[in-house]
Amino acid sequence: MRFSAPLLGGLVVVVIALSMANKGSADEPDTQAAGPQSSETDAETPMGRTGGSVAALGIRGDGVTLTFDDGPHPTHTPQVLDLLAERRTRAIFCLVGGQVRQHPELVQRIVADGHVLCNHTESHDPNLAARPPDEISQEIATTSEAISEAAPGAEARYFRQPARHVTPEVAPIAEEHGLAILDWTVDSQDWKKPGAAAITDVIAEALHPGAVILLHDGGGDRSQTVDALPDILDAIQNAGYRVAITPPLP
């Protein structure tokens, strides 16, 4: 499935949290990832920039986007990829550099299956915004390098900050690296591990045109997310939406 890429050079993709505006990103760091890690129930208050719109993503009114954070994970990422392949569905995978180096073959498969890559920093530091600019830049640069080394010719096109929406301290640095900002509008809350049915219900109730759905394939035990994924895809279809991919930068 192909989608148009109406973004002009320099356009930054910014998505505002809708129903989850007062909740954290719920990113849970992978216990195998390098560097500082937050608690399992990390729920920082999002501080994403305003002024964007789902129209800027280039998604048609009936399109929603699936995104998966904190991988690649040796168990759950292949399971997610298998399910997406069965349904001929593509997604955006937000990769942690430390995990990329441990599992380069999974990055290769993600790319081969036609999915889009997103830079999710080297160490998944939830306090990234408090770091000096050169450290922030290094977190981003080393992750992009790891992705290129794992899958030559591939590159991340988007950036997602750990544990929250992209902050004003981090956004300009990500943009300097040629990355477009990718936040979300629907937090599945799979990081709480409430059960597959509850994860599906949260998404089904929050679906809207242009929704960008936050899920996790890494950062811990994601078996509930894997179990929920077929029902999530059914819920999207039954609601009259289709799964889209946000267009890559030109």
Protein backbone atom coordinates (compact mmCIF):
# COMPACT_ATOMS: atom_id res chain seq x y z
CA MET A 1 0.00 0.00 0.00
CA ARG A 2 1.49 3.39 -1.01
CA PHE A 3 0.67 6.82 0.27
CA SER A 4 1.46 10.27 -1.05
CA ALA A 5 4.24 12.29 0.52
CA PRO A 6 3.02 15.89 0.50
CA LEU A 7 5.48 17.05 3.10
CA LEU A 8 7.83 19.78 1.87
CA GLY A 9 11.45 20.04 2.95
CA GLY A 10 11.80 21.24 6.49
CA LEU A 11 8.22 20.38 7.48
CA VAL A 12 8.11 18.93 10.96
CA VAL A 13 5.48 16.41 11.89
CA VAL A 14 3.92 17.37 15.20
CA VAL A 15 1.02 15.48 16.70
CA ILE A 16 -0.86 16.79 19.71
CA ALA A 17 -2.12 14.38 22.33
CA LEU A 18 -5.89 14.46 22.42
CA SER A 19 -7.53 12.23 24.97
CA MET A 20 -4.27 11.56 26.79
CA ALA A 21 -3.15 15.17 27.13
CA ASN A 22 -2.79 14.95 30.89
CA LYS A 23 -1.14 11.52 30.99
CA GLY A 24 2.42 10.42 30.39
CA SER A 25 3.73 8.77 27.28
CA ALA A 26 3.81 5.58 29.25
CA ASP A 27 7.02 4.50 27.58
CA GLU A 28 8.57 1.67 29.56
CA PRO A 29 12.31 1.27 28.94
CA ASP A 30 13.64 -2.09 27.86
CA THR A 31 15.52 -3.67 30.73
CA GLN A 32 18.23 -4.60 28.24
CA ALA A 33 18.69 -1.09 26.88
CA ALA A 34 21.84 0.79 27.80
CA GLY A 35 21.92 3.90 29.96
CA PRO A 36 19.54 5.39 32.52
CA GLN A 37 16.15 3.79 32.87
CA SER A 38 12.90 4.88 34.42
CA SER A 39 10.58 2.80 36.54
CA GLU A 40 8.31 0.18 34.99
CA THR A 41 5.30 2.45 35.42
CA ASP A 42 6.98 5.52 33.96
CA ALA A 43 4.24 8.07 33.33
CA GLU A 44 5.83 11.47 32.83
CA THR A 45 3.59 14.40 31.93
CA PRO A 46 3.78 15.00 28.17
CA MET A 47 5.16 18.36 27.12
CA GLY A 48 4.67 18.19 23.38
CA ARG A 49 4.63 21.35 21.29
CA THR A 50 1.37 22.72 20.01
CA GLY A 51 0.39 24.06 16.62
CA GLY A 52 0.40 20.84 14.62
CA SER A 53 -2.49 18.92 13.13
CA VAL A 54 -3.26 15.43 11.91
CA ALA A 55 -3.57 16.95 8.45
CA ALA A 56 0.17 17.65 8.57
CA LEU A 57 0.74 13.91 8.72
CA GLY A 58 -0.78 13.46 5.29
CA ILE A 59 -3.20 10.82 6.56
CA ARG A 60 -6.60 10.66 4.90
CA GLY A 61 -9.60 11.07 7.15
CA ASP A 62 -10.11 7.30 7.42
CA GLY A 63 -6.47 6.53 8.22
CA VAL A 64 -4.86 5.73 11.56
CA THR A 65 -1.21 4.91 12.26
CA LEU A 66 0.21 2.17 14.47
CA THR A 67 3.51 2.88 16.22
CA PHE A 68 5.57 0.50 18.35
CA ASP A 69 8.16 1.72 20.85
CA ASP A 70 11.27 0.49 22.66
CA GLY A 71 12.31 -2.39 20.40
CA PRO A 72 13.58 -4.32 18.76
CA HIS A 73 12.86 -7.09 21.26
CA PRO A 74 14.01 -10.66 20.48
CA THR A 75 10.67 -12.22 21.37
CA HIS A 76 7.91 -9.68 20.91
CA THR A 77 9.12 -7.82 17.82
CA PRO A 78 9.05 -10.95 15.62
CA GLN A 79 5.59 -11.79 16.96
CA VAL A 80 4.33 -8.31 16.11
CA LEU A 81 5.93 -8.48 12.67
CA ASP A 82 4.33 -11.87 11.99
CA LEU A 83 0.88 -10.54 12.89
CA LEU A 84 1.31 -7.41 10.79
CA ALA A 85 2.50 -9.49 7.84
CA GLU A 86 -0.55 -11.76 8.11
CA ARG A 87 -2.80 -8.71 7.91
CA ARG A 88 -0.67 -6.95 5.28
CA THR A 89 -0.34 -4.00 7.61
CA ARG A 90 2.55 -1.62 8.07
CA ALA A 91 3.58 0.39 11.11
CA ILE A 92 6.22 2.73 12.46
CA PHE A 93 8.83 1.20 14.79
CA CYS A 94 10.54 3.56 17.24
CA LEU A 95 13.88 1.90 17.95
CA VAL A 96 16.24 2.22 20.92
CA GLY A 97 19.88 2.31 19.84
CA GLY A 98 21.06 -0.11 22.51
CA GLN A 99 18.49 -2.65 21.35
CA VAL A 100 19.35 -2.11 17.69
CA ARG A 101 22.95 -3.10 18.38
CA GLN A 102 21.86 -6.27 20.15
CA HIS A 103 19.37 -7.33 17.49
CA PRO A 104 20.42 -5.96 14.08
CA GLU A 105 18.70 -8.84 12.28
CA LEU A 106 15.34 -7.59 13.57
CA VAL A 107 16.00 -4.13 12.17
CA GLN A 108 16.72 -5.76 8.83
CA ARG A 109 13.43 -7.62 8.98
CA ILE A 110 11.47 -4.51 9.98
CA VAL A 111 12.86 -2.73 6.92
CA ALA A 112 12.38 -5.74 4.63
CA ASP A 113 8.73 -5.97 5.69
CA GLY A 114 8.16 -2.40 4.55
CA HIS A 115 7.79 -0.67 7.90
CA VAL A 116 9.03 2.83 8.74
CA LEU A 117 11.77 3.55 11.29
CA CYS A 118 11.78 6.11 14.08
CA ASN A 119 14.73 7.16 16.27
CA HIS A 120 13.88 6.62 19.96
CA THR A 121 17.35 7.55 21.34
CA GLU A 122 20.28 5.41 22.35
CA SER A 123 19.46 4.76 26.00
CA HIS A 124 15.79 5.63 26.41
CA ASP A 125 16.59 8.33 28.95
CA PRO A 126 13.30 9.70 30.36
CA ASN A 127 15.15 12.83 31.49
CA LEU A 128 16.59 13.58 28.07
CA ALA A 129 15.38 17.18 28.06
CA ALA A 130 17.50 17.95 31.13
CA ARG A 131 20.73 16.82 29.45
CA PRO A 132 23.20 19.21 27.78
CA PRO A 133 22.51 19.77 24.08
CA ASP A 134 25.60 17.82 23.03
CA GLU A 135 24.44 14.78 25.00
CA ILE A 136 20.99 14.99 23.46
CA SER A 137 22.56 15.18 20.02
CA GLN A 138 24.76 12.18 20.79
CA GLU A 139 21.76 10.11 21.93
CA ILE A 140 20.11 10.79 18.60
CA ALA A 141 23.18 10.46 16.41
CA THR A 142 24.37 7.14 17.83
CA THR A 143 20.92 5.63 17.34
CA SER A 144 20.79 6.69 13.71
CA GLU A 145 24.28 5.27 13.24
CA ALA A 146 23.26 1.97 14.82
CA ILE A 147 20.26 1.72 12.50
CA SER A 148 22.41 2.41 9.44
CA GLU A 149 24.95 -0.19 10.55
CA ALA A 150 22.27 -2.79 11.25
CA ALA A 151 20.48 -2.26 7.94
CA PRO A 152 22.72 -0.52 5.40
CA GLY A 153 20.73 1.91 3.30
CA ALA A 154 17.97 2.21 5.89
CA GLU A 155 17.43 5.29 8.00
CA ALA A 156 15.12 6.62 10.66
CA ARG A 157 12.86 9.37 9.35
CA TYR A 158 11.15 10.29 12.61
CA PHE A 159 12.05 11.03 16.21
CA ARG A 160 10.12 10.18 19.34
CA GLN A 161 11.34 11.26 22.77
CA PRO A 162 11.28 8.68 25.58
CA ALA A 163 8.55 8.92 28.21
CA ARG A 164 6.77 12.01 26.88
CA HIS A 165 5.95 14.14 23.89
CA VAL A 166 8.93 15.84 22.32
CA THR A 167 9.94 18.84 24.41
CA PRO A 168 11.14 22.28 23.22
CA GLU A 169 14.63 21.46 24.50
CA VAL A 170 14.90 18.38 22.31
CA ALA A 171 12.86 19.16 19.19
CA PRO A 172 15.33 21.55 17.49
CA ILE A 173 18.17 19.09 17.98
CA ALA A 174 16.16 16.26 16.44
CA GLU A 175 15.34 18.53 13.53
CA GLU A 176 19.04 19.31 13.07
CA HIS A 177 19.53 15.60 12.54
CA GLY A 178 16.94 15.67 9.75
CA LEU A 179 14.26 13.91 11.78
CA ALA A 180 10.57 14.81 11.86
CA ILE A 181 8.79 14.82 15.20
CA LEU A 182 6.41 11.92 15.82
CA ASP A 183 4.21 12.12 18.90
CA TRP A 184 0.93 10.22 19.37
CA THR A 185 -2.74 10.92 19.96
CA VAL A 186 -3.87 7.59 21.44
CA ASP A 187 -1.96 6.01 24.33
CA SER A 188 -2.97 2.35 24.41
CA GLN A 189 -1.72 2.12 28.00
CA ASP A 190 -0.32 -1.31 27.21
CA TRP A 191 2.60 -0.34 29.45
CA LYS A 192 0.25 -0.85 32.42
CA LYS A 193 -0.26 -4.47 31.34
CA PRO A 194 -4.03 -4.36 32.00
CA GLY A 195 -4.78 -7.37 29.80
CA ALA A 196 -5.27 -7.74 26.06
CA ALA A 197 -8.99 -6.92 26.16
CA ALA A 198 -8.42 -3.70 28.11
CA ILE A 199 -5.71 -2.58 25.69
CA THR A 200 -8.04 -3.15 22.77
CA ASP A 201 -10.90 -1.33 24.49
CA VAL A 202 -8.77 1.77 25.18
CA ILE A 203 -7.83 2.03 21.51
CA ALA A 204 -11.32 1.27 20.19
CA GLU A 205 -12.85 3.97 22.37
CA ALA A 206 -10.24 6.58 21.42
CA LEU A 207 -10.09 6.05 17.65
CA HIS A 208 -10.48 9.20 15.57
CA PRO A 209 -9.49 10.35 12.09
CA GLY A 210 -5.72 10.60 11.83
CA ALA A 211 -5.12 8.81 15.14
CA VAL A 212 -1.51 7.89 15.91
CA ILE A 213 -1.62 4.91 18.28
CA LEU A 214 1.15 4.27 20.81
CA LEU A 215 1.94 0.60 21.43
CA HIS A 216 5.07 -1.23 22.61
CA ASP A 217 6.98 -4.18 21.20
CA GLY A 218 9.89 -3.69 23.61
CA GLY A 219 10.66 -2.39 27.07
CA GLY A 220 9.55 -5.47 28.97
CA ASP A 221 6.96 -8.21 28.71
CA ARG A 222 4.74 -7.23 25.78
CA SER A 223 2.83 -10.49 25.48
CA GLN A 224 -0.45 -8.69 26.24
CA THR A 225 0.18 -6.27 23.38
CA VAL A 226 0.90 -9.17 21.04
CA ASP A 227 -2.28 -10.92 22.16
CA ALA A 228 -4.29 -7.74 21.67
CA LEU A 229 -2.97 -6.85 18.22
CA PRO A 230 -5.37 -8.98 16.12
CA ASP A 231 -8.35 -7.54 18.00
CA ILE A 232 -6.91 -4.02 17.67
CA LEU A 233 -6.70 -4.44 13.90
CA ASP A 234 -10.25 -5.78 13.84
CA ALA A 235 -11.47 -2.83 15.93
CA ILE A 236 -9.85 -0.37 13.52
CA GLN A 237 -11.46 -2.06 10.53
CA ASN A 238 -14.86 -2.40 12.19
CA ALA A 239 -14.82 1.30 13.04
CA GLY A 240 -14.38 2.12 9.36
CA TYR A 241 -10.74 3.12 9.51
CA ARG A 242 -7.69 1.79 7.69
CA VAL A 243 -4.11 1.57 8.91
CA ALA A 244 -1.93 4.14 7.17
CA ILE A 245 1.73 5.07 7.30
CA THR A 246 2.69 8.68 7.81
CA PRO A 247 4.59 9.81 4.71
CA PRO A 248 8.39 9.88 4.78
CA LEU A 249 10.24 13.15 4.44
CA PRO A 250 11.06 14.05 0.83
